[in-house]
Amino acid sequence: MAIGRGSDRAAFLTGLAIARREGRDLVLVDRSAEGFASPYTDLRGDDAYRPTAERLFGSEIARAEGREGTAIYLEAASAAGVTAGGWFPTHAGYGGLAEAVRRFSGALLVLPPEAAHPSLAERIRGVVPDRIQAGIGRPVVVAAPERIPAAV
């Protein structure tokens, strides 16, 4: 499930509902880390408390990396009885999402509601549901926008 750009909450709730219903694990692909360099290369070195591209991370590492929102989603998934982990993509857009699906054997990909009408920047990054689905060979679900009740 893609988070970090767009309506994270709608994507998270959709992905969580599917994972609970189908007894699946959840991988949160934190796209806020996308950029021109790998989020895994810095001068702090490798240790057990640093994320790596080869494994998912938990809420403690998410917080240490400054990703409070991701940490909250990971804890919420756990509270709902769903095993979940976070991951920072090593490529922007389609490349990072496709890598996550391959690396972690994803059965489907959940995108935020904005993916139904991607911006020019997202189209350039290849984050277009039909194109992603054709490329990864897995279903792509675009979360419905959240409905906020009108004030009384």
N, C-alpha and C. Protein backbone atom coordinates (compact mmCIF):
# COMPACT_ATOMS: atom_id res chain seq x y z
N MET A 1 0.84 -1.16 0.00
CA MET A 1 0.00 0.00 0.00
C MET A 1 0.89 1.23 0.00
N ALA A 2 0.58 2.18 -0.87
CA ALA A 2 1.36 3.41 -0.98
C ALA A 2 0.85 4.45 0.01
N ILE A 3 1.77 5.00 0.80
CA ILE A 3 1.46 6.12 1.70
C ILE A 3 2.54 7.17 1.51
N GLY A 4 2.34 8.33 2.12
CA GLY A 4 3.36 9.37 2.05
C GLY A 4 3.11 10.41 0.98
N ARG A 5 2.13 10.18 0.13
CA ARG A 5 1.71 11.16 -0.88
C ARG A 5 0.21 10.99 -1.05
N GLY A 6 -0.53 12.05 -0.87
CA GLY A 6 -1.98 11.96 -1.05
C GLY A 6 -2.69 11.60 0.25
N SER A 7 -3.88 11.06 0.11
CA SER A 7 -4.74 10.74 1.26
C SER A 7 -4.34 9.41 1.88
N ASP A 8 -3.32 9.48 2.71
CA ASP A 8 -2.82 8.28 3.37
C ASP A 8 -3.90 7.51 4.11
N ARG A 9 -4.72 8.23 4.85
CA ARG A 9 -5.70 7.57 5.72
C ARG A 9 -6.67 6.71 4.93
N ALA A 10 -7.16 7.21 3.82
CA ALA A 10 -8.09 6.44 2.98
C ALA A 10 -7.40 5.19 2.44
N ALA A 11 -6.16 5.33 1.98
CA ALA A 11 -5.41 4.18 1.47
C ALA A 11 -5.16 3.18 2.59
N PHE A 12 -4.78 3.68 3.76
CA PHE A 12 -4.50 2.78 4.89
C PHE A 12 -5.75 2.01 5.29
N LEU A 13 -6.87 2.71 5.45
CA LEU A 13 -8.10 2.02 5.87
C LEU A 13 -8.55 0.99 4.84
N THR A 14 -8.39 1.30 3.57
CA THR A 14 -8.74 0.34 2.51
C THR A 14 -7.83 -0.87 2.57
N GLY A 15 -6.52 -0.63 2.65
CA GLY A 15 -5.56 -1.73 2.72
C GLY A 15 -5.74 -2.58 3.96
N LEU A 16 -6.01 -1.93 5.10
CA LEU A 16 -6.23 -2.66 6.35
C LEU A 16 -7.47 -3.54 6.26
N ALA A 17 -8.54 -3.01 5.69
CA ALA A 17 -9.78 -3.80 5.55
C ALA A 17 -9.55 -5.03 4.66
N ILE A 18 -8.81 -4.85 3.57
CA ILE A 18 -8.53 -5.99 2.69
C ILE A 18 -7.65 -7.01 3.40
N ALA A 19 -6.61 -6.54 4.09
CA ALA A 19 -5.70 -7.44 4.80
C ALA A 19 -6.44 -8.24 5.88
N ARG A 20 -7.31 -7.58 6.63
CA ARG A 20 -8.08 -8.29 7.67
C ARG A 20 -9.02 -9.30 7.06
N ARG A 21 -9.74 -8.90 6.01
CA ARG A 21 -10.73 -9.78 5.39
C ARG A 21 -10.07 -11.01 4.76
N GLU A 22 -8.90 -10.81 4.14
CA GLU A 22 -8.25 -11.89 3.40
C GLU A 22 -7.11 -12.56 4.16
N GLY A 23 -6.88 -12.15 5.42
CA GLY A 23 -5.82 -12.75 6.22
C GLY A 23 -4.43 -12.51 5.66
N ARG A 24 -4.18 -11.31 5.14
CA ARG A 24 -2.90 -10.98 4.52
C ARG A 24 -2.07 -10.06 5.42
N ASP A 25 -0.78 -10.03 5.14
CA ASP A 25 0.10 -9.05 5.77
C ASP A 25 0.01 -7.75 5.00
N LEU A 26 0.48 -6.68 5.60
CA LEU A 26 0.39 -5.36 5.01
C LEU A 26 1.78 -4.74 4.91
N VAL A 27 2.13 -4.24 3.74
CA VAL A 27 3.40 -3.53 3.55
C VAL A 27 3.06 -2.08 3.24
N LEU A 28 3.55 -1.17 4.09
CA LEU A 28 3.33 0.26 3.88
C LEU A 28 4.55 0.82 3.15
N VAL A 29 4.36 1.19 1.89
CA VAL A 29 5.44 1.77 1.09
C VAL A 29 5.39 3.27 1.31
N ASP A 30 6.33 3.79 2.12
CA ASP A 30 6.34 5.19 2.51
C ASP A 30 7.00 6.02 1.41
N ARG A 31 6.18 6.56 0.51
CA ARG A 31 6.67 7.31 -0.64
C ARG A 31 7.22 8.68 -0.26
N SER A 32 7.03 9.12 0.99
CA SER A 32 7.58 10.41 1.38
C SER A 32 9.10 10.38 1.33
N ALA A 33 9.68 9.20 1.29
CA ALA A 33 11.14 9.07 1.23
C ALA A 33 11.67 9.10 -0.20
N GLU A 34 10.77 9.17 -1.20
CA GLU A 34 11.23 9.18 -2.59
C GLU A 34 12.07 10.41 -2.89
N GLY A 35 13.09 10.21 -3.68
CA GLY A 35 13.94 11.32 -4.06
C GLY A 35 14.94 10.88 -5.09
N PHE A 36 16.02 11.62 -5.18
CA PHE A 36 17.05 11.32 -6.17
C PHE A 36 18.12 10.38 -5.63
N ALA A 37 18.11 10.12 -4.34
CA ALA A 37 19.11 9.23 -3.74
C ALA A 37 18.39 8.16 -2.93
N SER A 38 19.06 7.06 -2.70
CA SER A 38 18.47 5.98 -1.91
C SER A 38 18.27 6.43 -0.46
N PRO A 39 17.13 6.15 0.13
CA PRO A 39 16.90 6.52 1.53
C PRO A 39 17.72 5.68 2.50
N TYR A 40 18.42 4.68 1.99
CA TYR A 40 19.18 3.78 2.85
C TYR A 40 20.66 4.12 2.92
N THR A 41 21.11 5.10 2.15
CA THR A 41 22.53 5.46 2.19
C THR A 41 22.70 6.78 2.93
N ASP A 42 23.37 6.71 4.04
CA ASP A 42 23.75 7.91 4.78
C ASP A 42 25.02 7.59 5.56
N LEU A 43 25.49 8.50 6.34
CA LEU A 43 26.76 8.32 7.03
C LEU A 43 26.63 7.70 8.41
N ARG A 44 25.42 7.25 8.77
CA ARG A 44 25.26 6.67 10.10
C ARG A 44 25.68 5.21 10.16
N GLY A 45 25.89 4.58 9.03
CA GLY A 45 26.30 3.18 9.03
C GLY A 45 25.13 2.24 9.20
N ASP A 46 25.39 0.96 9.07
CA ASP A 46 24.35 -0.06 9.21
C ASP A 46 24.35 -0.64 10.62
N ASP A 47 23.19 -0.78 11.17
CA ASP A 47 23.02 -1.50 12.43
C ASP A 47 21.58 -1.96 12.50
N ALA A 48 21.24 -2.67 13.55
CA ALA A 48 19.91 -3.26 13.67
C ALA A 48 18.81 -2.20 13.77
N TYR A 49 19.17 -0.97 14.09
CA TYR A 49 18.17 0.07 14.28
C TYR A 49 18.03 0.98 13.07
N ARG A 50 18.60 0.57 11.95
CA ARG A 50 18.49 1.33 10.71
C ARG A 50 17.68 0.52 9.71
N PRO A 51 16.82 1.16 8.94
CA PRO A 51 16.09 0.41 7.91
C PRO A 51 17.03 -0.01 6.79
N THR A 52 16.71 -1.12 6.16
CA THR A 52 17.47 -1.55 4.99
C THR A 52 16.46 -1.89 3.89
N ALA A 53 16.93 -1.90 2.67
CA ALA A 53 16.05 -2.20 1.54
C ALA A 53 15.60 -3.65 1.54
N GLU A 54 16.30 -4.52 2.26
CA GLU A 54 16.01 -5.95 2.24
C GLU A 54 14.95 -6.40 3.23
N ARG A 55 14.60 -5.56 4.18
CA ARG A 55 13.62 -5.99 5.20
C ARG A 55 12.67 -4.86 5.56
N LEU A 56 11.52 -5.27 6.05
CA LEU A 56 10.52 -4.30 6.51
C LEU A 56 10.92 -3.78 7.88
N PHE A 57 10.44 -2.59 8.22
CA PHE A 57 10.73 -2.03 9.54
C PHE A 57 9.44 -1.83 10.32
N GLY A 58 9.58 -1.71 11.63
CA GLY A 58 8.44 -1.52 12.52
C GLY A 58 8.28 -0.07 12.95
N SER A 59 7.36 0.15 13.88
CA SER A 59 7.03 1.51 14.30
C SER A 59 8.20 2.21 15.00
N GLU A 60 9.04 1.45 15.71
CA GLU A 60 10.17 2.08 16.40
C GLU A 60 11.14 2.71 15.40
N ILE A 61 11.46 1.97 14.35
CA ILE A 61 12.37 2.50 13.33
C ILE A 61 11.70 3.64 12.56
N ALA A 62 10.40 3.50 12.29
CA ALA A 62 9.69 4.58 11.59
C ALA A 62 9.81 5.88 12.39
N ARG A 63 9.62 5.80 13.70
CA ARG A 63 9.73 7.01 14.54
C ARG A 63 11.16 7.54 14.53
N ALA A 64 12.14 6.65 14.65
CA ALA A 64 13.55 7.07 14.65
C ALA A 64 13.91 7.76 13.33
N GLU A 65 13.25 7.38 12.25
CA GLU A 65 13.50 7.98 10.93
C GLU A 65 12.63 9.21 10.68
N GLY A 66 11.85 9.63 11.69
CA GLY A 66 11.02 10.82 11.55
C GLY A 66 9.72 10.61 10.80
N ARG A 67 9.24 9.37 10.76
CA ARG A 67 8.00 9.04 10.04
C ARG A 67 6.90 8.68 11.04
N GLU A 68 6.45 9.66 11.79
CA GLU A 68 5.44 9.45 12.83
C GLU A 68 4.15 8.87 12.25
N GLY A 69 3.71 9.39 11.11
CA GLY A 69 2.48 8.88 10.50
C GLY A 69 2.58 7.40 10.16
N THR A 70 3.71 7.00 9.61
CA THR A 70 3.92 5.59 9.28
C THR A 70 3.90 4.75 10.55
N ALA A 71 4.54 5.25 11.61
CA ALA A 71 4.57 4.53 12.89
C ALA A 71 3.15 4.33 13.42
N ILE A 72 2.33 5.36 13.33
CA ILE A 72 0.94 5.26 13.82
C ILE A 72 0.17 4.22 13.01
N TYR A 73 0.34 4.20 11.69
CA TYR A 73 -0.35 3.21 10.86
C TYR A 73 0.12 1.79 11.21
N LEU A 74 1.42 1.61 11.43
CA LEU A 74 1.93 0.29 11.78
C LEU A 74 1.34 -0.19 13.11
N GLU A 75 1.23 0.71 14.08
CA GLU A 75 0.65 0.35 15.37
C GLU A 75 -0.85 0.07 15.25
N ALA A 76 -1.53 0.84 14.41
CA ALA A 76 -2.97 0.61 14.20
C ALA A 76 -3.22 -0.75 13.55
N ALA A 77 -2.37 -1.11 12.60
CA ALA A 77 -2.51 -2.42 11.95
C ALA A 77 -2.33 -3.53 12.98
N SER A 78 -1.32 -3.39 13.82
CA SER A 78 -1.06 -4.38 14.86
C SER A 78 -2.25 -4.49 15.81
N ALA A 79 -2.81 -3.35 16.19
CA ALA A 79 -3.97 -3.35 17.10
C ALA A 79 -5.17 -4.02 16.44
N ALA A 80 -5.24 -3.98 15.11
CA ALA A 80 -6.34 -4.62 14.37
C ALA A 80 -6.05 -6.08 14.07
N GLY A 81 -4.90 -6.58 14.54
CA GLY A 81 -4.56 -7.98 14.33
C GLY A 81 -3.93 -8.29 12.99
N VAL A 82 -3.38 -7.25 12.32
CA VAL A 82 -2.76 -7.44 11.02
C VAL A 82 -1.25 -7.23 11.16
N THR A 83 -0.47 -8.17 10.65
CA THR A 83 0.98 -8.03 10.63
C THR A 83 1.34 -7.02 9.55
N ALA A 84 2.12 -6.01 9.93
CA ALA A 84 2.47 -4.96 8.97
C ALA A 84 3.91 -4.52 9.16
N GLY A 85 4.51 -4.03 8.09
CA GLY A 85 5.85 -3.47 8.13
C GLY A 85 5.94 -2.33 7.15
N GLY A 86 6.88 -1.44 7.40
CA GLY A 86 7.10 -0.31 6.52
C GLY A 86 8.30 -0.52 5.63
N TRP A 87 8.36 0.22 4.54
CA TRP A 87 9.48 0.13 3.60
C TRP A 87 9.60 1.44 2.85
N PHE A 88 10.84 1.90 2.66
CA PHE A 88 11.11 3.08 1.86
C PHE A 88 11.51 2.64 0.46
N PRO A 89 10.82 3.13 -0.58
CA PRO A 89 11.19 2.73 -1.94
C PRO A 89 12.56 3.26 -2.33
N THR A 90 13.27 2.48 -3.13
CA THR A 90 14.59 2.90 -3.59
C THR A 90 14.52 3.59 -4.95
N HIS A 91 13.33 3.60 -5.56
CA HIS A 91 13.09 4.30 -6.82
C HIS A 91 11.80 5.11 -6.66
N ALA A 92 11.67 6.19 -7.40
CA ALA A 92 10.48 7.01 -7.33
C ALA A 92 9.35 6.40 -8.16
N GLY A 93 8.12 6.67 -7.74
CA GLY A 93 6.93 6.31 -8.51
C GLY A 93 6.77 4.83 -8.76
N TYR A 94 6.44 4.53 -10.04
CA TYR A 94 6.16 3.15 -10.43
C TYR A 94 7.29 2.19 -10.05
N GLY A 95 8.54 2.60 -10.29
CA GLY A 95 9.67 1.72 -10.01
C GLY A 95 9.72 1.26 -8.58
N GLY A 96 9.48 2.17 -7.64
CA GLY A 96 9.50 1.81 -6.22
C GLY A 96 8.33 0.94 -5.82
N LEU A 97 7.15 1.25 -6.34
CA LEU A 97 5.96 0.45 -6.01
C LEU A 97 6.10 -0.96 -6.58
N ALA A 98 6.57 -1.06 -7.83
CA ALA A 98 6.75 -2.38 -8.44
C ALA A 98 7.80 -3.19 -7.69
N GLU A 99 8.87 -2.53 -7.25
CA GLU A 99 9.91 -3.23 -6.50
C GLU A 99 9.35 -3.78 -5.19
N ALA A 100 8.53 -2.99 -4.51
CA ALA A 100 7.93 -3.47 -3.25
C ALA A 100 7.05 -4.69 -3.48
N VAL A 101 6.24 -4.67 -4.54
CA VAL A 101 5.37 -5.81 -4.84
C VAL A 101 6.21 -7.05 -5.10
N ARG A 102 7.27 -6.91 -5.89
CA ARG A 102 8.15 -8.06 -6.20
C ARG A 102 8.91 -8.53 -4.95
N ARG A 103 9.53 -7.60 -4.26
CA ARG A 103 10.40 -7.94 -3.13
C ARG A 103 9.64 -8.63 -2.00
N PHE A 104 8.41 -8.18 -1.76
CA PHE A 104 7.65 -8.69 -0.61
C PHE A 104 6.46 -9.54 -1.04
N SER A 105 6.45 -10.02 -2.27
CA SER A 105 5.42 -10.93 -2.79
C SER A 105 4.01 -10.39 -2.59
N GLY A 106 3.81 -9.15 -2.97
CA GLY A 106 2.50 -8.53 -2.83
C GLY A 106 1.45 -9.16 -3.72
N ALA A 107 0.25 -9.30 -3.18
CA ALA A 107 -0.86 -9.87 -3.94
C ALA A 107 -1.63 -8.78 -4.67
N LEU A 108 -1.58 -7.55 -4.14
CA LEU A 108 -2.25 -6.42 -4.76
C LEU A 108 -1.63 -5.14 -4.23
N LEU A 109 -1.95 -4.03 -4.87
CA LEU A 109 -1.42 -2.74 -4.48
C LEU A 109 -2.58 -1.78 -4.24
N VAL A 110 -2.56 -1.08 -3.10
CA VAL A 110 -3.58 -0.09 -2.79
C VAL A 110 -2.96 1.30 -2.93
N LEU A 111 -3.63 2.16 -3.70
CA LEU A 111 -3.19 3.53 -3.92
C LEU A 111 -4.19 4.50 -3.29
N PRO A 112 -3.74 5.71 -2.94
CA PRO A 112 -4.66 6.71 -2.40
C PRO A 112 -5.65 7.20 -3.46
N PRO A 113 -6.74 7.84 -3.03
CA PRO A 113 -7.79 8.27 -3.96
C PRO A 113 -7.29 9.15 -5.11
N GLU A 114 -6.27 9.96 -4.86
CA GLU A 114 -5.76 10.87 -5.89
C GLU A 114 -5.23 10.11 -7.12
N ALA A 115 -4.92 8.84 -6.96
CA ALA A 115 -4.39 8.05 -8.07
C ALA A 115 -5.43 7.86 -9.18
N ALA A 116 -6.71 8.06 -8.86
CA ALA A 116 -7.76 7.95 -9.88
C ALA A 116 -7.60 9.05 -10.93
N HIS A 117 -7.05 10.19 -10.53
CA HIS A 117 -6.80 11.33 -11.42
C HIS A 117 -5.41 11.86 -11.10
N PRO A 118 -4.35 11.13 -11.52
CA PRO A 118 -2.99 11.51 -11.12
C PRO A 118 -2.56 12.87 -11.67
N SER A 119 -1.78 13.55 -10.86
CA SER A 119 -1.21 14.83 -11.28
C SER A 119 -0.18 14.58 -12.38
N LEU A 120 0.26 15.66 -13.01
CA LEU A 120 1.28 15.54 -14.04
C LEU A 120 2.54 14.90 -13.45
N ALA A 121 2.93 15.33 -12.26
CA ALA A 121 4.14 14.77 -11.62
C ALA A 121 3.99 13.26 -11.40
N GLU A 122 2.83 12.83 -10.94
CA GLU A 122 2.61 11.40 -10.71
C GLU A 122 2.58 10.64 -12.03
N ARG A 123 2.00 11.23 -13.07
CA ARG A 123 2.01 10.57 -14.38
C ARG A 123 3.44 10.41 -14.89
N ILE A 124 4.26 11.42 -14.68
CA ILE A 124 5.67 11.33 -15.09
C ILE A 124 6.37 10.22 -14.31
N ARG A 125 6.04 10.08 -13.03
CA ARG A 125 6.63 9.02 -12.20
C ARG A 125 6.05 7.64 -12.53
N GLY A 126 5.02 7.60 -13.36
CA GLY A 126 4.42 6.32 -13.74
C GLY A 126 3.37 5.81 -12.79
N VAL A 127 2.87 6.67 -11.90
CA VAL A 127 1.87 6.25 -10.92
C VAL A 127 0.48 6.46 -11.52
N VAL A 128 0.17 5.57 -12.46
CA VAL A 128 -1.11 5.54 -13.16
C VAL A 128 -1.64 4.12 -12.97
N PRO A 129 -2.80 3.96 -12.31
CA PRO A 129 -3.27 2.62 -11.94
C PRO A 129 -3.23 1.57 -13.05
N ASP A 130 -3.75 1.89 -14.24
CA ASP A 130 -3.77 0.90 -15.32
C ASP A 130 -2.36 0.48 -15.73
N ARG A 131 -1.47 1.46 -15.81
CA ARG A 131 -0.09 1.16 -16.20
C ARG A 131 0.62 0.33 -15.13
N ILE A 132 0.37 0.65 -13.86
CA ILE A 132 0.98 -0.12 -12.78
C ILE A 132 0.47 -1.56 -12.81
N GLN A 133 -0.84 -1.73 -12.93
CA GLN A 133 -1.43 -3.07 -12.95
C GLN A 133 -0.85 -3.90 -14.09
N ALA A 134 -0.72 -3.31 -15.27
CA ALA A 134 -0.14 -4.04 -16.41
C ALA A 134 1.32 -4.40 -16.14
N GLY A 135 2.04 -3.51 -15.48
CA GLY A 135 3.45 -3.74 -15.21
C GLY A 135 3.74 -4.75 -14.13
N ILE A 136 2.94 -4.76 -13.06
CA ILE A 136 3.21 -5.67 -11.94
C ILE A 136 2.43 -6.97 -12.04
N GLY A 137 1.41 -6.99 -12.90
CA GLY A 137 0.63 -8.21 -13.05
C GLY A 137 -0.19 -8.57 -11.81
N ARG A 138 -0.53 -7.58 -11.03
CA ARG A 138 -1.35 -7.77 -9.83
C ARG A 138 -2.46 -6.72 -9.84
N PRO A 139 -3.57 -7.00 -9.14
CA PRO A 139 -4.63 -5.99 -9.07
C PRO A 139 -4.15 -4.71 -8.37
N VAL A 140 -4.66 -3.59 -8.82
CA VAL A 140 -4.41 -2.29 -8.20
C VAL A 140 -5.75 -1.74 -7.75
N VAL A 141 -5.83 -1.40 -6.47
CA VAL A 141 -7.06 -0.86 -5.88
C VAL A 141 -6.81 0.61 -5.57
N VAL A 142 -7.68 1.47 -6.05
CA VAL A 142 -7.62 2.90 -5.71
C VAL A 142 -8.64 3.13 -4.60
N ALA A 143 -8.16 3.59 -3.46
CA ALA A 143 -9.04 3.83 -2.31
C ALA A 143 -10.07 4.90 -2.65
N ALA A 144 -11.26 4.74 -2.10
CA ALA A 144 -12.31 5.76 -2.27
C ALA A 144 -11.99 6.93 -1.34
N PRO A 145 -12.34 8.14 -1.77
CA PRO A 145 -12.13 9.29 -0.88
C PRO A 145 -12.95 9.14 0.39
N GLU A 146 -12.41 9.64 1.48
CA GLU A 146 -13.14 9.59 2.74
C GLU A 146 -14.33 10.54 2.67
N ARG A 147 -15.39 10.13 3.26
CA ARG A 147 -16.58 10.98 3.33
C ARG A 147 -16.62 11.63 4.71
N ILE A 148 -16.54 12.94 4.71
CA ILE A 148 -16.57 13.68 5.96
C ILE A 148 -17.99 14.23 6.12
N PRO A 149 -18.65 13.89 7.24
CA PRO A 149 -20.02 14.36 7.41
C PRO A 149 -20.09 15.90 7.43
N ALA A 150 -21.15 16.41 6.88
CA ALA A 150 -21.36 17.86 6.88
C ALA A 150 -21.64 18.34 8.30
N ALA A 151 -21.19 19.54 8.59
CA ALA A 151 -21.42 20.11 9.93
C ALA A 151 -22.91 20.36 10.11
N VAL A 152 -23.36 20.15 11.31
CA VAL A 152 -24.78 20.34 11.61
C VAL A 152 -25.02 21.73 12.09
